[in-house]
């Protein structure tokens, strides 16, 4: 297991079936820890947005790759 797999899934490159399987098997707390580490390092941005489903509106976090700094 590697936090790099989580970063790879956020990128635009194609995802392999092995990466999908690996991500599926990760515990939610592990994924959260990896994302928090990448947010702190500036590699990933975290934005709170409103989402709606059949239960109604709620606020969720969306993680995206941070723009590459040149």
PDB file of N, CA and C in Angstrom:
ATOM      1  N   UNK A   1       0.839  -1.179   0.000  1.00  0.00           N
ATOM      2  CA  UNK A   1       0.000   0.000   0.000  1.00  0.00           C
ATOM      3  C   UNK A   1       0.880   1.238   0.000  1.00  0.00           C
ATOM      4  N   UNK A   2       0.449   2.211  -0.775  1.00  0.00           N
ATOM      5  CA  UNK A   2       1.244   3.413  -0.907  1.00  0.00           C
ATOM      6  C   UNK A   2       0.341   4.624  -1.088  1.00  0.00           C
ATOM      7  N   UNK A   3       0.720   5.722  -0.461  1.00  0.00           N
ATOM      8  CA  UNK A   3      -0.011   6.971  -0.664  1.00  0.00           C
ATOM      9  C   UNK A   3       0.125   7.432  -2.116  1.00  0.00           C
ATOM     10  N   UNK A   4       1.187   7.019  -2.781  1.00  0.00           N
ATOM     11  CA  UNK A   4       1.392   7.407  -4.173  1.00  0.00           C
ATOM     12  C   UNK A   4       0.249   6.907  -5.048  1.00  0.00           C
ATOM     13  N   UNK A   5      -0.309   5.742  -4.743  1.00  0.00           N
ATOM     14  CA  UNK A   5      -1.439   5.207  -5.507  1.00  0.00           C
ATOM     15  C   UNK A   5      -2.622   6.165  -5.434  1.00  0.00           C
ATOM     16  N   UNK A   6      -2.854   6.745  -4.274  1.00  0.00           N
ATOM     17  CA  UNK A   6      -3.957   7.697  -4.112  1.00  0.00           C
ATOM     18  C   UNK A   6      -3.701   8.939  -4.951  1.00  0.00           C
ATOM     19  N   UNK A   7      -2.476   9.427  -4.963  1.00  0.00           N
ATOM     20  CA  UNK A   7      -2.123  10.585  -5.777  1.00  0.00           C
ATOM     21  C   UNK A   7      -2.274  10.256  -7.260  1.00  0.00           C
ATOM     22  N   UNK A   8      -1.891   9.055  -7.660  1.00  0.00           N
ATOM     23  CA  UNK A   8      -2.025   8.630  -9.057  1.00  0.00           C
ATOM     24  C   UNK A   8      -3.486   8.608  -9.494  1.00  0.00           C
ATOM     25  N   UNK A   9      -4.379   8.189  -8.604  1.00  0.00           N
ATOM     26  CA  UNK A   9      -5.801   8.127  -8.937  1.00  0.00           C
ATOM     27  C   UNK A   9      -6.359   9.533  -9.179  1.00  0.00           C
ATOM     28  N   UNK A  10      -5.830  10.540  -8.487  1.00  0.00           N
ATOM     29  CA  UNK A  10      -6.288  11.914  -8.681  1.00  0.00           C
ATOM     30  C   UNK A  10      -5.771  12.524  -9.982  1.00  0.00           C
ATOM     31  N   UNK A  11      -4.748  11.934 -10.567  1.00  0.00           N
ATOM     32  CA  UNK A  11      -4.153  12.504 -11.779  1.00  0.00           C
ATOM     33  C   UNK A  11      -4.989  12.143 -13.007  1.00  0.00           C
ATOM     34  N   UNK A  12      -4.616  12.704 -14.144  1.00  0.00           N
ATOM     35  CA  UNK A  12      -5.350  12.467 -15.387  1.00  0.00           C
ATOM     36  C   UNK A  12      -4.942  11.190 -16.100  1.00  0.00           C
ATOM     37  N   UNK A  13      -3.919  10.528 -15.602  1.00  0.00           N
ATOM     38  CA  UNK A  13      -3.456   9.327 -16.304  1.00  0.00           C
ATOM     39  C   UNK A  13      -4.455   8.181 -16.112  1.00  0.00           C
ATOM     40  N   UNK A  14      -4.482   7.239 -17.041  1.00  0.00           N
ATOM     41  CA  UNK A  14      -5.399   6.100 -16.906  1.00  0.00           C
ATOM     42  C   UNK A  14      -5.104   5.293 -15.635  1.00  0.00           C
ATOM     43  N   UNK A  15      -6.148   4.761 -15.033  1.00  0.00           N
ATOM     44  CA  UNK A  15      -6.021   3.980 -13.806  1.00  0.00           C
ATOM     45  C   UNK A  15      -6.032   2.501 -14.170  1.00  0.00           C
ATOM     46  N   UNK A  16      -5.080   1.764 -13.639  1.00  0.00           N
ATOM     47  CA  UNK A  16      -5.020   0.327 -13.907  1.00  0.00           C
ATOM     48  C   UNK A  16      -5.980  -0.411 -12.984  1.00  0.00           C
ATOM     49  N   UNK A  17      -6.330  -1.617 -13.362  1.00  0.00           N
ATOM     50  CA  UNK A  17      -7.221  -2.416 -12.517  1.00  0.00           C
ATOM     51  C   UNK A  17      -6.560  -2.721 -11.178  1.00  0.00           C
ATOM     52  N   UNK A  18      -5.237  -2.847 -11.164  1.00  0.00           N
ATOM     53  CA  UNK A  18      -4.520  -3.093  -9.911  1.00  0.00           C
ATOM     54  C   UNK A  18      -4.657  -1.898  -8.969  1.00  0.00           C
ATOM     55  N   UNK A  19      -4.600  -0.669  -9.524  1.00  0.00           N
ATOM     56  CA  UNK A  19      -4.765   0.530  -8.698  1.00  0.00           C
ATOM     57  C   UNK A  19      -6.184   0.625  -8.151  1.00  0.00           C
ATOM     58  N   UNK A  20      -7.159   0.283  -8.977  1.00  0.00           N
ATOM     59  CA  UNK A  20      -8.552   0.294  -8.517  1.00  0.00           C
ATOM     60  C   UNK A  20      -8.736  -0.698  -7.382  1.00  0.00           C
ATOM     61  N   UNK A  21      -8.174  -1.879  -7.534  1.00  0.00           N
ATOM     62  CA  UNK A  21      -8.281  -2.895  -6.487  1.00  0.00           C
ATOM     63  C   UNK A  21      -7.573  -2.439  -5.214  1.00  0.00           C
ATOM     64  N   UNK A  22      -6.400  -1.825  -5.366  1.00  0.00           N
ATOM     65  CA  UNK A  22      -5.647  -1.360  -4.200  1.00  0.00           C
ATOM     66  C   UNK A  22      -6.419  -0.283  -3.449  1.00  0.00           C
ATOM     67  N   UNK A  23      -6.947   0.690  -4.183  1.00  0.00           N
ATOM     68  CA  UNK A  23      -7.709   1.775  -3.564  1.00  0.00           C
ATOM     69  C   UNK A  23      -8.948   1.226  -2.863  1.00  0.00           C
ATOM     70  N   UNK A  24      -9.604   0.253  -3.470  1.00  0.00           N
ATOM     71  CA  UNK A  24     -10.807  -0.340  -2.883  1.00  0.00           C
ATOM     72  C   UNK A  24     -10.500  -1.004  -1.553  1.00  0.00           C
ATOM     73  N   UNK A  25      -9.318  -1.565  -1.424  1.00  0.00           N
ATOM     74  CA  UNK A  25      -8.952  -2.289  -0.208  1.00  0.00           C
ATOM     75  C   UNK A  25      -8.385  -1.391   0.893  1.00  0.00           C
ATOM     76  N   UNK A  26      -8.063  -0.137   0.581  1.00  0.00           N
ATOM     77  CA  UNK A  26      -7.536   0.776   1.593  1.00  0.00           C
ATOM     78  C   UNK A  26      -8.632   1.126   2.598  1.00  0.00           C
ATOM     79  N   UNK A  27      -8.244   1.305   3.819  1.00  0.00           N
ATOM     80  CA  UNK A  27      -9.187   1.772   4.835  1.00  0.00           C
ATOM     81  C   UNK A  27      -9.396   3.277   4.671  1.00  0.00           C
ATOM     82  N   UNK A  28     -10.578   3.736   4.993  1.00  0.00           N
ATOM     83  CA  UNK A  28     -10.917   5.152   4.851  1.00  0.00           C
ATOM     84  C   UNK A  28      -9.950   6.038   5.639  1.00  0.00           C
ATOM     85  N   UNK A  29      -9.545   5.590   6.817  1.00  0.00           N
ATOM     86  CA  UNK A  29      -8.629   6.391   7.640  1.00  0.00           C
ATOM     87  C   UNK A  29      -7.261   6.529   6.972  1.00  0.00           C
ATOM     88  N   UNK A  30      -6.812   5.475   6.262  1.00  0.00           N
ATOM     89  CA  UNK A  30      -5.529   5.525   5.563  1.00  0.00           C
ATOM     90  C   UNK A  30      -5.604   6.522   4.404  1.00  0.00           C
ATOM     91  N   UNK A  31      -6.697   6.478   3.653  1.00  0.00           N
ATOM     92  CA  UNK A  31      -6.873   7.405   2.534  1.00  0.00           C
ATOM     93  C   UNK A  31      -6.919   8.841   3.056  1.00  0.00           C
ATOM     94  N   UNK A  32      -7.641   9.066   4.148  1.00  0.00           N
ATOM     95  CA  UNK A  32      -7.725  10.407   4.741  1.00  0.00           C
ATOM     96  C   UNK A  32      -6.356  10.909   5.181  1.00  0.00           C
ATOM     97  N   UNK A  33      -5.571  10.031   5.785  1.00  0.00           N
ATOM     98  CA  UNK A  33      -4.234  10.418   6.239  1.00  0.00           C
ATOM     99  C   UNK A  33      -3.343  10.785   5.056  1.00  0.00           C
ATOM    100  N   UNK A  34      -3.423  10.014   3.986  1.00  0.00           N
ATOM    101  CA  UNK A  34      -2.625  10.312   2.787  1.00  0.00           C
ATOM    102  C   UNK A  34      -3.046  11.650   2.180  1.00  0.00           C
ATOM    103  N   UNK A  35      -4.357  11.866   2.051  1.00  0.00           N
ATOM    104  CA  UNK A  35      -4.838  13.122   1.480  1.00  0.00           C
ATOM    105  C   UNK A  35      -4.433  14.309   2.347  1.00  0.00           C
ATOM    106  N   UNK A  36      -4.531  14.163   3.662  1.00  0.00           N
ATOM    107  CA  UNK A  36      -4.125  15.249   4.565  1.00  0.00           C
ATOM    108  C   UNK A  36      -2.644  15.562   4.395  1.00  0.00           C
ATOM    109  N   UNK A  37      -1.837  14.531   4.233  1.00  0.00           N
ATOM    110  CA  UNK A  37      -0.398  14.727   4.040  1.00  0.00           C
ATOM    111  C   UNK A  37      -0.120  15.483   2.739  1.00  0.00           C
ATOM    112  N   UNK A  38      -0.837  15.119   1.670  1.00  0.00           N
ATOM    113  CA  UNK A  38      -0.631  15.784   0.383  1.00  0.00           C
ATOM    114  C   UNK A  38      -1.172  17.215   0.389  1.00  0.00           C
ATOM    115  N   UNK A  39      -2.267  17.465   1.109  1.00  0.00           N
ATOM    116  CA  UNK A  39      -2.785  18.832   1.236  1.00  0.00           C
ATOM    117  C   UNK A  39      -1.754  19.695   1.953  1.00  0.00           C
ATOM    118  N   UNK A  40      -1.194  19.179   3.036  1.00  0.00           N
ATOM    119  CA  UNK A  40      -0.182  19.918   3.802  1.00  0.00           C
ATOM    120  C   UNK A  40       1.060  20.202   2.957  1.00  0.00           C
ATOM    121  N   UNK A  41       1.421  19.248   2.083  1.00  0.00           N
ATOM    122  CA  UNK A  41       2.596  19.413   1.223  1.00  0.00           C
ATOM    123  C   UNK A  41       2.304  20.296   0.011  1.00  0.00           C
ATOM    124  N   UNK A  42       1.023  20.622  -0.216  1.00  0.00           N
ATOM    125  CA  UNK A  42       0.662  21.476  -1.343  1.00  0.00           C
ATOM    126  C   UNK A  42       0.477  20.743  -2.654  1.00  0.00           C
ATOM    127  N   UNK A  43       0.459  19.418  -2.628  1.00  0.00           N
ATOM    128  CA  UNK A  43       0.283  18.642  -3.855  1.00  0.00           C
ATOM    129  C   UNK A  43      -1.188  18.476  -4.227  1.00  0.00           C
ATOM    130  N   UNK A  44      -2.073  18.597  -3.234  1.00  0.00           N
ATOM    131  CA  UNK A  44      -3.504  18.390  -3.429  1.00  0.00           C
ATOM    132  C   UNK A  44      -4.249  19.552  -2.783  1.00  0.00           C
ATOM    133  N   UNK A  45      -5.336  20.009  -3.447  1.00  0.00           N
ATOM    134  CA  UNK A  45      -6.172  21.043  -2.853  1.00  0.00           C
ATOM    135  C   UNK A  45      -7.445  20.409  -2.312  1.00  0.00           C
ATOM    136  N   UNK A  46      -7.950  20.993  -1.231  1.00  0.00           N
ATOM    137  CA  UNK A  46      -9.157  20.497  -0.572  1.00  0.00           C
ATOM    138  C   UNK A  46     -10.167  21.634  -0.556  1.00  0.00           C
ATOM    139  N   UNK A  47     -11.336  21.399  -1.169  1.00  0.00           N
ATOM    140  CA  UNK A  47     -12.366  22.425  -1.262  1.00  0.00           C
ATOM    141  C   UNK A  47     -13.683  21.848  -0.751  1.00  0.00           C
ATOM    142  N   UNK A  48     -14.394  22.625   0.055  1.00  0.00           N
ATOM    143  CA  UNK A  48     -15.696  22.197   0.561  1.00  0.00           C
ATOM    144  C   UNK A  48     -16.769  22.691  -0.404  1.00  0.00           C
ATOM    145  N   UNK A  49     -17.614  21.784  -0.888  1.00  0.00           N
ATOM    146  CA  UNK A  49     -18.675  22.130  -1.831  1.00  0.00           C
ATOM    147  C   UNK A  49     -19.995  21.529  -1.362  1.00  0.00           C
ATOM    148  N   UNK A  50     -21.086  22.046  -1.899  1.00  0.00           N
ATOM    149  CA  UNK A  50     -22.398  21.506  -1.569  1.00  0.00           C
ATOM    150  C   UNK A  50     -22.745  20.400  -2.557  1.00  0.00           C
ATOM    151  N   UNK A  51     -23.240  19.314  -2.040  1.00  0.00           N
ATOM    152  CA  UNK A  51     -23.635  18.171  -2.854  1.00  0.00           C
ATOM    153  C   UNK A  51     -25.059  17.793  -2.470  1.00  0.00           C
ATOM    154  N   UNK A  52     -25.798  17.263  -3.426  1.00  0.00           N
ATOM    155  CA  UNK A  52     -27.173  16.857  -3.157  1.00  0.00           C
ATOM    156  C   UNK A  52     -27.375  15.424  -3.611  1.00  0.00           C
ATOM    157  N   UNK A  53     -28.039  14.652  -2.773  1.00  0.00           N
ATOM    158  CA  UNK A  53     -28.458  13.313  -3.162  1.00  0.00           C
ATOM    159  C   UNK A  53     -29.900  13.133  -2.702  1.00  0.00           C
ATOM    160  N   UNK A  54     -30.394  11.904  -2.698  1.00  0.00           N
ATOM    161  CA  UNK A  54     -31.804  11.687  -2.356  1.00  0.00           C
ATOM    162  C   UNK A  54     -32.126  12.073  -0.910  1.00  0.00           C
ATOM    163  N   UNK A  55     -31.107  12.181  -0.063  1.00  0.00           N
ATOM    164  CA  UNK A  55     -31.323  12.586   1.324  1.00  0.00           C
ATOM    165  C   UNK A  55     -31.301  14.101   1.497  1.00  0.00           C
ATOM    166  N   UNK A  56     -30.955  14.813   0.441  1.00  0.00           N
ATOM    167  CA  UNK A  56     -30.924  16.270   0.501  1.00  0.00           C
ATOM    168  C   UNK A  56     -29.520  16.824   0.372  1.00  0.00           C
ATOM    169  N   UNK A  57     -29.393  18.144   0.511  1.00  0.00           N
ATOM    170  CA  UNK A  57     -28.077  18.779   0.355  1.00  0.00           C
ATOM    171  C   UNK A  57     -27.185  18.546   1.571  1.00  0.00           C
ATOM    172  N   UNK A  58     -25.886  18.528   1.317  1.00  0.00           N
ATOM    173  CA  UNK A  58     -24.894  18.430   2.388  1.00  0.00           C
ATOM    174  C   UNK A  58     -23.577  18.965   1.863  1.00  0.00           C
ATOM    175  N   UNK A  59     -22.680  19.274   2.763  1.00  0.00           N
ATOM    176  CA  UNK A  59     -21.364  19.784   2.391  1.00  0.00           C
ATOM    177  C   UNK A  59     -20.367  18.626   2.380  1.00  0.00           C
ATOM    178  N   UNK A  60     -19.568  18.552   1.317  1.00  0.00           N
ATOM    179  CA  UNK A  60     -18.545  17.512   1.201  1.00  0.00           C
ATOM    180  C   UNK A  60     -17.223  18.160   0.800  1.00  0.00           C
ATOM    181  N   UNK A  61     -16.138  17.433   0.978  1.00  0.00           N
ATOM    182  CA  UNK A  61     -14.826  17.899   0.536  1.00  0.00           C
ATOM    183  C   UNK A  61     -14.484  17.258  -0.801  1.00  0.00           C
ATOM    184  N   UNK A  62     -13.916  18.056  -1.696  1.00  0.00           N
ATOM    185  CA  UNK A  62     -13.456  17.577  -2.997  1.00  0.00           C
ATOM    186  C   UNK A  62     -11.948  17.786  -3.040  1.00  0.00           C
ATOM    187  N   UNK A  63     -11.222  16.747  -3.411  1.00  0.00           N
ATOM    188  CA  UNK A  63      -9.766  16.807  -3.496  1.00  0.00           C
ATOM    189  C   UNK A  63      -9.351  16.771  -4.960  1.00  0.00           C
ATOM    190  N   UNK A  64      -8.475  17.685  -5.351  1.00  0.00           N
ATOM    191  CA  UNK A  64      -7.937  17.709  -6.707  1.00  0.00           C
ATOM    192  C   UNK A  64      -6.436  17.956  -6.638  1.00  0.00           C
ATOM    193  N   UNK A  65      -5.757  17.602  -7.714  1.00  0.00           N
ATOM    194  CA  UNK A  65      -4.325  17.885  -7.770  1.00  0.00           C
ATOM    195  C   UNK A  65      -4.115  19.389  -7.798  1.00  0.00           C
ATOM    196  N   UNK A  66      -3.164  19.849  -7.040  1.00  0.00           N
ATOM    197  CA  UNK A  66      -2.830  21.274  -7.024  1.00  0.00           C
ATOM    198  C   UNK A  66      -2.145  21.633  -8.335  1.00  0.00           C
ATOM    199  N   UNK A  67      -2.349  22.855  -8.823  1.00  0.00           N
ATOM    200  CA  UNK A  67      -1.659  23.268 -10.047  1.00  0.00           C
ATOM    201  C   UNK A  67      -0.145  23.189  -9.866  1.00  0.00           C
ATOM    202  N   UNK A  68       0.529  22.788 -10.912  1.00  0.00           N
ATOM    203  CA  UNK A  68       1.985  22.681 -10.862  1.00  0.00           C
ATOM    204  C   UNK A  68       2.576  24.081 -10.810  1.00  0.00           C
ATOM    205  N   UNK A  69       3.438  24.313  -9.835  1.00  0.00           N
ATOM    206  CA  UNK A  69       4.069  25.621  -9.690  1.00  0.00           C
ATOM    207  C   UNK A  69       5.365  25.644 -10.483  1.00  0.00           C
ATOM    208  N   UNK A  70       5.543  26.701 -11.261  1.00  0.00           N
ATOM    209  CA  UNK A  70       6.744  26.791 -12.093  1.00  0.00           C
ATOM    210  C   UNK A  70       7.649  27.881 -11.611  1.00  0.00           C
TER     211      UNK A  70
END
